[in-house]
Amino acid sequence: KQALTVNFTSACLWLSLLAQDMEQAGTGTLVAISSVAADRGRKSNYTYGAAKAGLTTYLAGLRHRLAGTGVQVLTVKPGFVDTPMTADLPKNALYAKPEQVADDIVKAIRKGKRTLYTPWFWRYIMLIIKWLPDFIFRRLSL
């Protein structure tokens, strides 16, 4: 329950309040951290992934509502990031440093992007995972 509250409900409440203020001002950029886990439910993190999927969909709807108002909405989908949340996990080449993710976010804001996979290669990894047929996906240990 806490994963849903922290990663979905509380984020949406804050975004809603900020969106109102930015819409009235006619400018601003809302940035929210979703996750690659939002792209397909996996047994290893399905509650977290569901919360982030809900957030991603909320952001898409908010982006649509704010179209033409001068307010931008950026959905950030990082892969593994070397943070306290992942401190106990073994690191590999798929992990990013927080500074790299932050730099990517700043660049995406400047370019007016709507969605950012960071590091860049996660877009392609998740494209493959999303399009795997279910009978194959179920056999994987992800």
Protein backbone atom coordinates (compact mmCIF):
# COMPACT_ATOMS: atom_id res chain seq x y z
CA LYS A 1 0.00 0.00 0.00
CA GLN A 2 2.81 2.42 0.86
CA ALA A 3 4.36 2.02 -2.61
CA LEU A 4 1.06 3.06 -4.19
CA THR A 5 0.61 6.03 -1.85
CA VAL A 6 4.16 7.33 -2.24
CA ASN A 7 4.66 6.67 -5.95
CA PHE A 8 1.18 7.44 -7.26
CA THR A 9 -1.29 9.17 -4.97
CA SER A 10 0.99 11.71 -3.32
CA ALA A 11 2.72 12.53 -6.60
CA CYS A 12 -0.61 13.15 -8.35
CA LEU A 13 -1.84 15.39 -5.54
CA TRP A 14 1.29 17.56 -5.73
CA LEU A 15 1.22 17.66 -9.52
CA SER A 16 -2.42 18.73 -9.49
CA LEU A 17 -1.69 21.66 -7.17
CA LEU A 18 1.36 22.74 -9.14
CA ALA A 19 -0.49 22.42 -12.45
CA GLN A 20 -3.19 24.80 -11.27
CA ASP A 21 -0.64 27.45 -10.30
CA MET A 22 1.37 27.05 -13.50
CA GLU A 23 -1.74 27.10 -15.66
CA GLN A 24 -2.82 30.38 -14.07
CA ALA A 25 0.66 31.79 -14.67
CA GLY A 26 0.65 30.47 -18.25
CA THR A 27 4.13 29.04 -17.99
CA GLY A 28 6.25 26.38 -16.32
CA THR A 29 7.45 22.83 -16.59
CA LEU A 30 6.19 19.96 -14.47
CA VAL A 31 8.69 17.11 -14.16
CA ALA A 32 7.80 13.82 -12.51
CA ILE A 33 9.93 10.73 -12.03
CA SER A 34 8.15 7.61 -13.23
CA SER A 35 10.17 4.49 -14.08
CA VAL A 36 10.89 1.97 -16.78
CA ALA A 37 9.02 -0.37 -14.40
CA ALA A 38 5.84 1.36 -15.58
CA ASP A 39 6.15 -0.10 -19.07
CA ARG A 40 5.32 -3.71 -18.25
CA GLY A 41 4.31 -5.44 -15.06
CA ARG A 42 6.97 -7.83 -13.77
CA LYS A 43 6.87 -10.24 -10.86
CA SER A 44 9.89 -8.63 -9.23
CA ASN A 45 8.23 -5.22 -8.74
CA TYR A 46 4.63 -5.25 -9.92
CA THR A 47 3.24 -3.00 -7.15
CA TYR A 48 5.91 -0.37 -7.73
CA GLY A 49 5.47 -0.77 -11.50
CA ALA A 50 1.69 -0.37 -11.21
CA ALA A 51 2.10 2.82 -9.18
CA LYS A 52 4.53 4.23 -11.73
CA ALA A 53 2.28 3.14 -14.62
CA GLY A 54 -0.58 5.03 -12.99
CA LEU A 55 1.66 8.07 -12.62
CA THR A 56 2.73 7.85 -16.26
CA THR A 57 -0.89 7.72 -17.39
CA TYR A 58 -1.81 10.61 -15.07
CA LEU A 59 1.02 12.67 -16.57
CA ALA A 60 -0.17 11.88 -20.10
CA GLY A 61 -3.65 13.10 -19.20
CA LEU A 62 -2.27 16.18 -17.45
CA ARG A 63 -0.09 16.94 -20.47
CA HIS A 64 -3.17 16.69 -22.69
CA ARG A 65 -5.20 18.96 -20.37
CA LEU A 66 -2.42 21.57 -20.27
CA ALA A 67 -1.76 21.57 -24.02
CA GLY A 68 -1.76 25.12 -25.30
CA THR A 69 -1.49 26.71 -21.84
CA GLY A 70 2.27 27.30 -21.87
CA VAL A 71 2.84 24.56 -19.29
CA GLN A 72 5.02 21.61 -20.27
CA VAL A 73 4.84 18.15 -18.66
CA LEU A 74 7.87 15.85 -18.69
CA THR A 75 7.65 12.18 -17.71
CA VAL A 76 11.06 10.82 -16.69
CA LYS A 77 11.57 7.06 -16.94
CA PRO A 78 14.91 6.13 -15.47
CA GLY A 79 16.24 2.62 -15.40
CA PHE A 80 18.44 1.53 -12.52
CA VAL A 81 20.04 4.46 -10.70
CA ASP A 82 22.79 4.17 -8.11
CA THR A 83 20.87 5.64 -5.15
CA PRO A 84 20.18 4.63 -1.54
CA MET A 85 17.15 2.67 -2.83
CA THR A 86 19.48 0.38 -4.82
CA ALA A 87 22.44 0.47 -2.41
CA ASP A 88 22.18 -3.22 -1.52
CA LEU A 89 21.91 -4.43 -5.10
CA PRO A 90 24.91 -5.48 -7.19
CA LYS A 91 25.73 -2.82 -9.80
CA ASN A 92 26.29 -3.46 -13.49
CA ALA A 93 26.53 -1.52 -16.77
CA LEU A 94 22.79 -0.78 -16.73
CA TYR A 95 23.11 1.48 -13.67
CA ALA A 96 23.31 5.24 -14.03
CA LYS A 97 24.75 7.80 -11.66
CA PRO A 98 22.23 10.32 -10.30
CA GLU A 99 24.24 13.15 -11.86
CA GLN A 100 23.83 11.60 -15.32
CA VAL A 101 20.07 11.31 -14.83
CA ALA A 102 19.90 14.93 -13.62
CA ASP A 103 21.85 16.14 -16.67
CA ASP A 104 19.51 14.20 -18.97
CA ILE A 105 16.48 15.76 -17.27
CA VAL A 106 17.84 19.29 -17.70
CA LYS A 107 18.53 18.62 -21.40
CA ALA A 108 15.03 17.17 -21.89
CA ILE A 109 13.44 20.23 -20.26
CA ARG A 110 15.43 22.56 -22.51
CA LYS A 111 14.35 20.57 -25.59
CA GLY A 112 10.69 20.54 -24.54
CA LYS A 113 10.51 16.74 -24.48
CA ARG A 114 7.43 14.96 -23.17
CA THR A 115 9.05 11.66 -22.17
CA LEU A 116 12.63 10.88 -21.23
CA TYR A 117 14.17 7.43 -20.86
CA THR A 118 17.44 7.77 -18.99
CA PRO A 119 20.03 6.61 -19.72
CA TRP A 120 19.03 6.62 -23.38
CA PHE A 121 19.42 2.86 -23.92
CA TRP A 122 16.46 2.10 -21.64
CA ARG A 123 14.08 3.25 -24.39
CA TYR A 124 15.26 0.33 -26.53
CA ILE A 125 15.44 -2.21 -23.71
CA MET A 126 11.86 -1.43 -22.72
CA LEU A 127 10.69 -1.43 -26.31
CA ILE A 128 11.84 -5.05 -26.55
CA ILE A 129 10.34 -5.98 -23.17
CA LYS A 130 6.99 -4.34 -24.02
CA TRP A 131 6.67 -6.12 -27.34
CA LEU A 132 7.70 -9.59 -26.20
CA PRO A 133 4.79 -12.01 -26.59
CA ASP A 134 3.33 -13.01 -23.23
CA PHE A 135 4.16 -16.71 -23.67
CA ILE A 136 7.85 -15.74 -23.90
CA PHE A 137 7.73 -12.99 -21.27
CA ARG A 138 6.24 -15.36 -18.65
CA ARG A 139 9.32 -17.59 -18.93
CA LEU A 140 11.75 -14.78 -18.15
CA SER A 141 12.99 -14.03 -14.66
CA LEU A 142 12.71 -10.24 -14.59
